[in-house]
Every structure is written in C-alpha cells, then in structure tokens.
C-alpha cells in the first residue's frame, strides 16, 4: 500500500487545527483501512476502541500485545505503532483531536490515566453489560454525527465526556492494563522526555537542556523521538506550548499579554508571531473558529 493511501485512512484531517471527530464500526473497515492500520504509522489524534468480540493485536517496535474482549483500548497521539484488526472483530472506534476536545473546557481530560504521557497505550477490561452501556453512548454519537460536526460539536463533545467519565469510574473497580513496562531504552527515553516537558515547558524549551538531564546527546534525543513519535524533540516541546496556549484561550479570561507571560514569553508580540508561525492562524482567528464550531 502506498503512502498516499495510508495517509487517507490514518490522517483524516491534514490540518490538525481543525476540530475532528470520527465514530465508526470496526466491522465496516474496508480492506484498505485494515491494511493501513497494519502498517507502521504515527498520528496526532486520540483513539478509543470499544472491542466487543474477537481479538486485535497492538504492535510497536518492542511490543506485541493481544487485546482481549470485551474491553476498551486507548491510544494517545505520537507513538509509532500498527494494529492487526481481523475481519471477525466487532466493536467501534472513536477518533478525535486536540482541537475537538478543546471546543470548550474539559478540565478532567488531562487527568485521565488512559492517555497519560507515561505509557504507550492502555487497556481497560470491562464486562458485557458495561460494554453495552458504552455502545449505547457511541450510537447516540453516531445519530448526531454524519462525517462532520454540523453545529453539533458541543453535543458530541458532551457525549465523549460522559464516555470518558464512565470509563474513569469503571477503572476504579477494574485494573488498567498499561503499556508502561516497556523493554526498550528508547521507549523509556521518550516517556521520560515527555514527562519532563510537561513539567518544564514554561521555563525550558531547549532540546539540549532536556538531553543533558537524560544524559544523552541532543542529536540522539531527536533521533529517538523522531523514530518513535514521528516528531523531533523540539516539535514535541513546541506542540506542548501551543496546546497549553489554546487551553488558556478558552478556559480562562486572561488576555493575550497574561497568557504569554503565563507560558514563559516576556514579549506578547513575539508570542503572537510564534503562534501564527506554527498554527497558520492568529490567536483571534483561532478563537473565532473554535467558537463557531461550538455553536
């Protein structure tokens, strides 16, 4: 399968600034989509799989795990992986990006262990009766979503929030199988780096500083992050800064200068240029776009 075909099925929105949601049945995956999933790839969105029957395989360079059913599989952005999804697997997939989850404030989202930066993936075993409850929520999402948001962004996001909160509630009574015990020094380095970025991004945006803390060369750190996530270390740092900027725009009443200061930029004009350079939009244009989608 050529790269263009893979991109068609695995990267449904080229502009990651556009809010995106996809809800579909695994049984309806066409052959090209199955082939694309079974090809090593990266993506910058979040994936949730509700698996009812059958087993799929989640595979990275150093992991090959069979996901049993019924269960929920959570995959965050930025991990090089592939998935084997046999024809007999029954279930659903929910795919969404940062722009969608940030349509309005979701203060609990960053606290979810499912998409934690200290793991490669997460599996939550569930009972059949619980699987039915999750399926009902997905069907409600499907009823109000036909390939585009169509003014239903806020309603669909609320459905997703309920789905995630129910999963979080169920986790209290069922252990979460996490992909954090990785027999790979490179995976360990990537996870340590992402955790450090989350803690230090405001005051530290230099790849060399992070590399020194990890006791490796900056070129080596870039090689590791690029091979496992598809992004260089500097791109991962930059994306963290931009994502936090977007959250502050819509979850606080801070003005531009205050947001810039909060993110470690002493010059608000430079911060504005920084945002425009890497998103293609001014802060005002981005805010107006998200507000329109949430109506």
Protein backbone atom coordinates (compact mmCIF):
# COMPACT_ATOMS: atom_id res chain seq x y z
CA UNK A 1 0.00 0.00 0.00
CA UNK A 2 1.42 3.41 -0.98
CA UNK A 3 1.88 6.25 1.48
CA UNK A 4 -0.92 8.37 -0.03
CA UNK A 5 -3.45 5.60 0.62
CA UNK A 6 -2.18 5.14 4.17
CA UNK A 7 -2.46 8.87 4.83
CA UNK A 8 -6.02 8.89 3.52
CA UNK A 9 -7.17 6.38 6.12
CA UNK A 10 -4.93 7.25 9.05
CA UNK A 11 -4.77 11.04 8.81
CA UNK A 12 -8.35 12.11 8.03
CA UNK A 13 -7.66 15.79 8.71
CA UNK A 14 -4.44 17.24 7.32
CA UNK A 15 -4.86 20.47 9.29
CA UNK A 16 -4.70 19.41 12.92
CA UNK A 17 -6.06 22.82 13.94
CA UNK A 18 -9.47 21.79 12.55
CA UNK A 19 -11.68 20.11 15.13
CA UNK A 20 -12.17 16.49 14.12
CA UNK A 21 -14.26 13.57 15.35
CA UNK A 22 -14.79 10.15 13.75
CA UNK A 23 -17.09 7.42 15.06
CA UNK A 24 -17.27 4.11 13.21
CA UNK A 25 -17.86 0.38 13.41
CA UNK A 26 -14.84 -1.90 13.11
CA UNK A 27 -16.83 -4.41 11.06
CA UNK A 28 -17.23 -1.76 8.35
CA UNK A 29 -13.50 -1.12 7.91
CA UNK A 30 -12.63 -1.61 4.27
CA UNK A 31 -9.60 -3.64 3.19
CA UNK A 32 -7.50 -0.53 2.57
CA UNK A 33 -8.24 0.77 6.07
CA UNK A 34 -7.26 -2.57 7.61
CA UNK A 35 -4.04 -2.61 5.57
CA UNK A 36 -3.27 0.95 6.60
CA UNK A 37 -3.77 0.15 10.28
CA UNK A 38 -1.44 -2.83 9.91
CA UNK A 39 1.31 -0.55 8.54
CA UNK A 40 3.67 1.26 10.92
CA UNK A 41 2.32 4.77 11.30
CA UNK A 42 2.02 7.84 13.52
CA UNK A 43 -0.96 10.08 14.11
CA UNK A 44 -1.62 13.24 16.09
CA UNK A 45 -5.08 12.35 17.38
CA UNK A 46 -6.54 10.22 20.19
CA UNK A 47 -8.10 6.80 19.53
CA UNK A 48 -10.53 4.77 21.64
CA UNK A 49 -11.60 1.28 20.61
CA UNK A 50 -14.62 -0.45 22.15
CA UNK A 51 -13.91 -4.13 21.50
CA UNK A 52 -16.89 -6.45 21.89
CA UNK A 53 -15.76 -9.75 20.34
CA UNK A 54 -12.60 -11.08 18.72
CA UNK A 55 -9.02 -10.03 19.45
CA UNK A 56 -6.78 -7.40 17.91
CA UNK A 57 -3.01 -7.01 18.17
CA UNK A 58 -1.30 -3.76 19.13
CA UNK A 59 2.32 -3.70 17.94
CA UNK A 60 5.30 -1.35 18.28
CA UNK A 61 9.00 -1.98 17.73
CA UNK A 62 9.31 -3.65 21.13
CA UNK A 63 5.71 -4.62 21.98
CA UNK A 64 3.23 -7.12 20.61
CA UNK A 65 0.13 -7.34 22.76
CA UNK A 66 -3.13 -9.19 22.08
CA UNK A 67 -6.08 -7.16 23.32
CA UNK A 68 -8.81 -9.41 24.68
CA UNK A 69 -12.52 -8.61 24.64
CA UNK A 70 -14.67 -7.10 25.91
CA UNK A 71 -12.53 -4.08 26.66
CA UNK A 72 -11.54 -0.51 25.87
CA UNK A 73 -8.24 0.27 24.14
CA UNK A 74 -6.85 3.81 24.45
CA UNK A 75 -4.06 5.08 22.19
CA UNK A 76 -2.73 8.63 22.52
CA UNK A 77 -1.01 10.64 19.78
CA UNK A 78 2.61 10.38 18.75
CA UNK A 79 3.50 6.69 19.00
CA UNK A 80 4.84 4.60 16.10
CA UNK A 81 2.61 1.53 16.01
CA UNK A 82 0.45 -0.77 13.93
CA UNK A 83 -2.69 -2.80 14.62
CA UNK A 84 -3.95 -6.13 13.32
CA UNK A 85 -7.76 -6.00 13.16
CA UNK A 86 -9.20 -9.32 11.86
CA UNK A 87 -12.50 -9.37 9.97
CA UNK A 88 -14.30 -11.13 12.83
CA UNK A 89 -13.61 -8.36 15.37
CA UNK A 90 -16.75 -6.49 16.42
CA UNK A 91 -16.65 -3.10 18.03
CA UNK A 92 -16.30 0.62 17.44
CA UNK A 93 -13.63 3.29 17.13
CA UNK A 94 -13.75 6.89 18.30
CA UNK A 95 -11.07 9.23 16.97
CA UNK A 96 -10.71 12.89 17.94
CA UNK A 97 -8.00 15.53 18.08
CA UNK A 98 -6.92 18.27 20.48
CA UNK A 99 -8.94 20.89 18.62
CA UNK A 100 -12.13 18.89 19.23
CA UNK A 101 -11.56 18.18 22.92
CA UNK A 102 -10.75 21.89 23.42
CA UNK A 103 -14.02 23.17 21.92
CA UNK A 104 -14.84 24.09 25.50
CA UNK A 105 -13.17 23.41 28.82
CA UNK A 106 -12.54 19.75 29.72
CA UNK A 107 -10.62 20.18 32.97
CA UNK A 108 -10.65 16.45 33.75
CA UNK A 109 -9.19 15.32 30.42
CA UNK A 110 -5.53 15.85 31.30
CA UNK A 111 -6.00 13.85 34.50
CA UNK A 112 -7.20 10.73 32.68
CA UNK A 113 -4.72 7.89 33.08
CA UNK A 114 -5.85 6.42 29.74
CA UNK A 115 -3.89 8.98 27.73
CA UNK A 116 -1.07 9.59 30.21
CA UNK A 117 2.31 10.51 28.76
CA UNK A 118 3.98 7.81 30.86
CA UNK A 119 2.52 4.93 28.83
CA UNK A 120 2.34 3.71 25.24
CA UNK A 121 -1.27 2.56 25.35
CA UNK A 122 -3.88 1.46 27.91
CA UNK A 123 -6.45 -1.33 28.07
CA UNK A 124 -9.46 -1.35 30.39
CA UNK A 125 -11.21 -4.75 30.69
CA UNK A 126 -14.98 -4.43 31.03
CA UNK A 127 -18.00 -6.70 31.47
CA UNK A 128 -20.54 -7.40 28.71
CA UNK A 129 -23.22 -5.33 30.43
CA UNK A 130 -20.82 -2.39 30.73
CA UNK A 131 -19.81 -2.78 27.08
CA UNK A 132 -23.48 -2.37 26.18
CA UNK A 133 -23.63 0.92 28.09
CA UNK A 134 -20.60 2.24 26.20
CA UNK A 135 -22.13 1.03 22.93
CA UNK A 136 -25.32 2.96 23.66
CA UNK A 137 -23.28 6.15 24.09
CA UNK A 138 -21.47 5.55 20.82
CA UNK A 139 -24.77 5.01 18.99
CA UNK A 140 -26.01 8.35 20.32
CA UNK A 141 -22.86 9.96 18.97
CA UNK A 142 -23.44 8.32 15.59
CA UNK A 143 -27.02 9.62 15.48
CA UNK A 144 -25.79 13.21 15.78
CA UNK A 145 -22.67 12.86 13.65
CA UNK A 146 -22.53 12.15 9.94
CA UNK A 147 -18.92 12.82 8.98
CA UNK A 148 -18.85 16.47 10.06
CA UNK A 149 -19.72 18.45 13.18
CA UNK A 150 -22.58 20.39 11.56
CA UNK A 151 -23.06 22.62 14.60
CA UNK A 152 -23.26 19.63 16.96
CA UNK A 153 -19.72 19.98 18.27
CA UNK A 154 -20.76 20.79 21.83
CA UNK A 155 -23.33 17.98 21.98
CA UNK A 156 -20.88 15.42 20.60
CA UNK A 157 -18.18 16.56 22.98
CA UNK A 158 -20.54 16.10 25.90
CA UNK A 159 -21.24 12.55 24.76
CA UNK A 160 -17.48 11.95 24.63
CA UNK A 161 -17.03 13.46 28.10
CA UNK A 162 -19.68 11.12 29.52
CA UNK A 163 -17.98 8.17 27.80
CA UNK A 164 -14.61 9.07 29.32
CA UNK A 165 -16.04 9.75 32.77
CA UNK A 166 -17.82 6.38 32.76
CA UNK A 167 -14.54 4.70 31.76
CA UNK A 168 -12.79 6.53 34.57
CA UNK A 169 -15.49 5.39 37.01
CA UNK A 170 -15.23 1.78 35.84
CA UNK A 171 -11.46 1.89 36.23
CA UNK A 172 -11.91 2.25 39.99
CA UNK A 173 -13.23 -1.32 40.11
CA UNK A 174 -11.12 -2.83 37.33
CA UNK A 175 -7.33 -2.67 36.90
CA UNK A 176 -5.96 -0.68 33.97
CA UNK A 177 -3.50 -2.63 31.85
CA UNK A 178 -0.90 -0.10 30.80
CA UNK A 179 1.87 -0.23 28.26
CA UNK A 180 4.38 1.42 30.56
CA UNK A 181 6.54 -1.62 31.32
CA UNK A 182 8.49 -1.36 28.07
CA UNK A 183 11.64 -3.47 27.46
CA UNK A 184 13.15 -0.70 25.37
CA UNK A 185 15.56 2.01 26.44
CA UNK A 186 14.32 4.21 23.57
CA UNK A 187 10.71 3.98 24.68
CA UNK A 188 11.81 4.76 28.22
CA UNK A 189 13.72 7.82 26.99
CA UNK A 190 10.70 9.08 25.05
CA UNK A 191 8.37 8.70 28.03
CA UNK A 192 10.85 10.37 30.40
CA UNK A 193 11.31 13.24 27.95
CA UNK A 194 7.55 13.80 27.53
CA UNK A 195 7.10 13.80 31.30
CA UNK A 196 9.91 16.34 31.70
CA UNK A 197 8.40 18.57 29.00
CA UNK A 198 5.05 18.57 30.83
CA UNK A 199 6.83 19.72 33.98
CA UNK A 200 9.31 22.21 32.47
CA UNK A 201 7.90 23.58 29.18
CA UNK A 202 7.21 27.03 30.61
CA UNK A 203 10.81 27.75 31.56
CA UNK A 204 12.69 25.30 29.37
CA UNK A 205 12.27 24.99 25.60
CA UNK A 206 15.83 23.96 24.70
CA UNK A 207 16.36 20.41 23.43
CA UNK A 208 19.95 20.45 24.72
CA UNK A 209 18.82 21.09 28.29
CA UNK A 210 16.50 18.08 28.24
CA UNK A 211 19.17 15.93 26.61
CA UNK A 212 21.63 16.85 29.39
CA UNK A 213 19.10 15.81 32.04
CA UNK A 214 18.68 12.48 30.23
CA UNK A 215 22.47 12.06 29.90
CA UNK A 216 22.35 11.78 26.10
CA UNK A 217 23.30 13.97 23.16
CA UNK A 218 20.70 16.30 21.66
CA UNK A 219 21.03 14.58 18.27
CA UNK A 220 20.36 11.24 19.94
CA UNK A 221 17.25 12.59 21.70
CA UNK A 222 15.93 13.91 18.38
CA UNK A 223 16.60 10.55 16.74
CA UNK A 224 14.70 8.70 19.48
CA UNK A 225 11.66 10.99 19.45
CA UNK A 226 11.54 11.08 15.65
CA UNK A 227 11.70 7.29 15.30
CA UNK A 228 9.08 6.56 17.97
CA UNK A 229 6.69 9.50 17.67
CA UNK A 230 7.29 10.93 14.20
CA UNK A 231 8.26 14.31 15.71
CA UNK A 232 11.57 15.82 16.74
CA UNK A 233 12.15 16.80 20.36
CA UNK A 234 11.76 20.49 19.52
CA UNK A 235 8.43 19.78 17.77
CA UNK A 236 7.14 17.93 20.85
CA UNK A 237 8.12 20.87 23.06
CA UNK A 238 6.51 23.35 20.68
CA UNK A 239 3.28 21.34 20.45
CA UNK A 240 3.03 21.29 24.24
CA UNK A 241 3.36 25.08 24.37
CA UNK A 242 0.77 25.60 21.63
CA UNK A 243 -1.73 23.19 23.16
CA UNK A 244 -1.46 24.92 26.52
CA UNK A 245 -1.93 28.28 24.80
CA UNK A 246 -5.17 27.06 23.20
CA UNK A 247 -6.47 25.76 26.52
CA UNK A 248 -5.80 29.08 28.22
CA UNK A 249 -7.59 30.97 25.44
CA UNK A 250 -10.85 29.17 26.11
CA UNK A 251 -10.75 28.17 29.73
CA UNK A 252 -9.66 31.47 31.28
CA UNK A 253 -10.41 35.17 30.94
CA UNK A 254 -6.72 36.03 30.64
CA UNK A 255 -5.76 38.50 27.94
CA UNK A 256 -3.01 37.88 25.37
CA UNK A 257 -0.28 39.50 27.44
CA UNK A 258 -1.24 37.48 30.53
CA UNK A 259 -1.33 34.22 28.56
CA UNK A 260 2.08 34.96 27.05
CA UNK A 261 3.53 35.64 30.50
CA UNK A 262 1.94 32.50 31.95
CA UNK A 263 3.61 30.42 29.22
CA UNK A 264 7.03 31.97 29.77
CA UNK A 265 7.02 34.58 26.98
CA UNK A 266 8.06 38.01 28.23
CA UNK A 267 7.17 39.63 24.87
CA UNK A 268 3.49 39.17 23.93
CA UNK A 269 4.16 40.35 20.36
CA UNK A 270 6.75 37.57 19.95
CA UNK A 271 4.27 35.08 21.38
CA UNK A 272 1.68 36.18 18.79
CA UNK A 273 4.19 35.67 15.97
CA UNK A 274 5.17 32.30 17.45
CA UNK A 275 1.54 31.14 17.50
CA UNK A 276 0.85 32.37 13.95
CA UNK A 277 4.04 30.81 12.58
CA UNK A 278 3.28 27.29 13.82
CA UNK A 279 -0.52 27.19 13.57
CA UNK A 280 -1.07 29.33 10.48
CA UNK A 281 -3.65 31.39 12.37
CA UNK A 282 -3.61 34.44 14.56
CA UNK A 283 -4.84 33.98 18.11
CA UNK A 284 -8.04 35.85 17.25
CA UNK A 285 -8.69 33.74 14.13
CA UNK A 286 -8.20 30.52 16.08
CA UNK A 287 -10.51 31.62 18.87
CA UNK A 288 -13.23 32.69 16.42
CA UNK A 289 -13.00 29.37 14.58
CA UNK A 290 -13.47 27.28 17.72
CA UNK A 291 -16.32 29.50 18.92
CA UNK A 292 -18.12 28.95 15.61
CA UNK A 293 -17.69 25.18 15.87
CA UNK A 294 -19.14 25.13 19.37
CA UNK A 295 -22.40 26.86 18.38
